[in-house]
N, C-alpha and C. Protein backbone atom coordinates (compact mmCIF):
# COMPACT_ATOMS: atom_id res chain seq x y z
N MET A 1 16.50 16.80 -21.69
CA MET A 1 15.94 16.41 -20.33
C MET A 1 16.90 16.81 -18.94
N ALA A 2 18.06 17.42 -19.37
CA ALA A 2 18.61 17.75 -18.11
C ALA A 2 18.21 18.47 -17.09
N ASN A 3 17.23 19.29 -17.79
CA ASN A 3 16.49 20.24 -16.68
C ASN A 3 15.48 19.52 -16.00
N VAL A 4 15.24 18.41 -16.52
CA VAL A 4 14.35 17.84 -15.61
C VAL A 4 15.04 17.23 -14.04
N GLY A 5 16.14 16.81 -14.37
CA GLY A 5 17.15 16.67 -13.32
C GLY A 5 17.32 17.44 -12.61
N LYS A 6 17.52 18.64 -12.77
CA LYS A 6 17.96 19.93 -12.32
C LYS A 6 16.69 20.17 -11.47
N GLN A 7 15.50 20.38 -12.01
CA GLN A 7 14.48 20.60 -11.24
C GLN A 7 13.94 19.52 -10.22
N ILE A 8 14.52 18.48 -10.20
CA ILE A 8 14.22 17.33 -9.27
C ILE A 8 15.13 17.84 -8.16
N LYS A 9 16.10 18.06 -8.54
CA LYS A 9 17.50 18.55 -7.28
C LYS A 9 16.78 19.98 -6.49
N LYS A 10 16.69 20.63 -7.42
CA LYS A 10 16.30 22.15 -6.72
C LYS A 10 14.82 21.69 -5.67
N LEU A 11 14.02 20.99 -6.35
CA LEU A 11 12.83 20.80 -5.09
C LEU A 11 12.99 19.93 -4.27
N ARG A 12 14.02 18.93 -4.56
CA ARG A 12 14.30 17.95 -3.19
C ARG A 12 15.08 18.76 -2.19
N MET A 13 15.96 19.94 -2.59
CA MET A 13 16.86 20.48 -1.68
C MET A 13 16.08 21.65 -1.20
N ALA A 14 15.27 22.26 -1.52
CA ALA A 14 14.11 23.24 -1.15
C ALA A 14 13.65 22.75 0.08
N ARG A 15 13.15 21.30 0.06
CA ARG A 15 12.44 20.57 1.01
C ARG A 15 13.77 20.08 2.15
N SER A 16 15.03 20.52 1.96
CA SER A 16 15.85 19.76 2.68
C SER A 16 15.63 18.31 2.93
N MET A 17 15.81 17.75 1.80
CA MET A 17 15.63 16.17 1.82
C MET A 17 16.77 15.79 0.94
N THR A 18 17.45 14.73 1.62
CA THR A 18 18.37 13.91 0.72
C THR A 18 18.10 12.88 -0.20
N GLN A 19 18.64 12.85 -0.84
CA GLN A 19 18.72 11.57 -2.13
C GLN A 19 17.52 10.35 -1.51
N ASP A 20 18.25 10.10 -0.20
CA ASP A 20 17.62 8.74 0.50
C ASP A 20 16.31 8.88 0.66
N ASP A 21 15.76 10.07 1.30
CA ASP A 21 14.56 10.79 1.62
C ASP A 21 13.70 10.56 0.57
N LEU A 22 14.01 11.30 -0.53
CA LEU A 22 13.27 11.11 -1.83
C LEU A 22 13.15 9.41 -2.39
N ALA A 23 14.31 9.03 -2.63
CA ALA A 23 14.10 7.58 -2.65
C ALA A 23 13.08 6.69 -1.95
N GLU A 24 13.14 6.82 -0.58
CA GLU A 24 12.06 6.22 0.10
C GLU A 24 10.73 6.46 -0.48
N ARG A 25 10.70 7.83 -0.31
CA ARG A 25 9.39 8.32 -0.87
C ARG A 25 8.72 7.58 -2.26
N LEU A 26 9.70 7.65 -3.03
CA LEU A 26 9.27 7.01 -4.54
C LEU A 26 9.40 5.45 -4.64
N PHE A 27 10.10 4.82 -3.60
CA PHE A 27 10.23 3.74 -3.60
C PHE A 27 11.04 2.86 -4.87
N VAL A 28 12.05 3.74 -4.88
CA VAL A 28 13.48 3.29 -5.63
C VAL A 28 14.67 3.43 -4.88
N SER A 29 15.62 3.13 -5.17
CA SER A 29 16.96 3.23 -4.69
C SER A 29 17.54 4.64 -4.57
N ARG A 30 18.34 5.04 -3.75
CA ARG A 30 19.14 6.12 -4.19
C ARG A 30 19.78 6.34 -5.22
N GLN A 31 20.61 5.52 -5.97
CA GLN A 31 20.90 5.65 -7.23
C GLN A 31 20.13 5.96 -8.23
N THR A 32 18.98 5.49 -8.32
CA THR A 32 18.03 6.00 -9.08
C THR A 32 17.78 7.43 -8.88
N VAL A 33 17.50 8.14 -7.99
CA VAL A 33 17.08 9.44 -7.83
C VAL A 33 19.00 10.22 -8.18
N SER A 34 19.74 10.01 -8.02
CA SER A 34 20.96 10.34 -8.67
C SER A 34 20.93 10.23 -9.87
N ASN A 35 20.56 9.27 -10.53
CA ASN A 35 20.54 8.76 -11.89
C ASN A 35 19.64 10.29 -12.35
N TYR A 36 18.53 10.22 -11.62
CA TYR A 36 17.59 11.08 -12.37
C TYR A 36 17.99 12.37 -12.46
N GLU A 37 18.75 12.80 -11.26
CA GLU A 37 19.48 14.36 -11.08
C GLU A 37 20.49 14.38 -12.13
N THR A 38 21.24 13.41 -12.46
CA THR A 38 22.40 13.65 -12.96
C THR A 38 21.94 13.25 -14.64
N GLY A 39 20.67 12.91 -15.08
CA GLY A 39 20.17 12.67 -16.58
C GLY A 39 20.89 11.53 -17.05
N VAL A 40 21.22 10.80 -16.11
CA VAL A 40 21.67 9.41 -16.65
C VAL A 40 20.47 8.44 -17.03
N SER A 41 19.31 8.54 -16.31
CA SER A 41 18.12 7.85 -16.75
C SER A 41 16.89 8.69 -16.02
N LEU A 42 15.82 8.60 -17.22
CA LEU A 42 14.67 9.42 -16.61
C LEU A 42 13.53 8.58 -16.66
N ARG A 43 13.42 7.51 -16.22
CA ARG A 43 12.53 6.26 -15.92
C ARG A 43 12.18 6.17 -14.63
């Protein structure tokens, strides 16, 4: 499932978004986005 995190990061960066920007759009914390991208959490 690490590919999911890599894909999230790739798409986020392609849109010039920070983790904070994405977190705000998803209504989650920046740490949650970081966890998604590193594969720590997929929920």
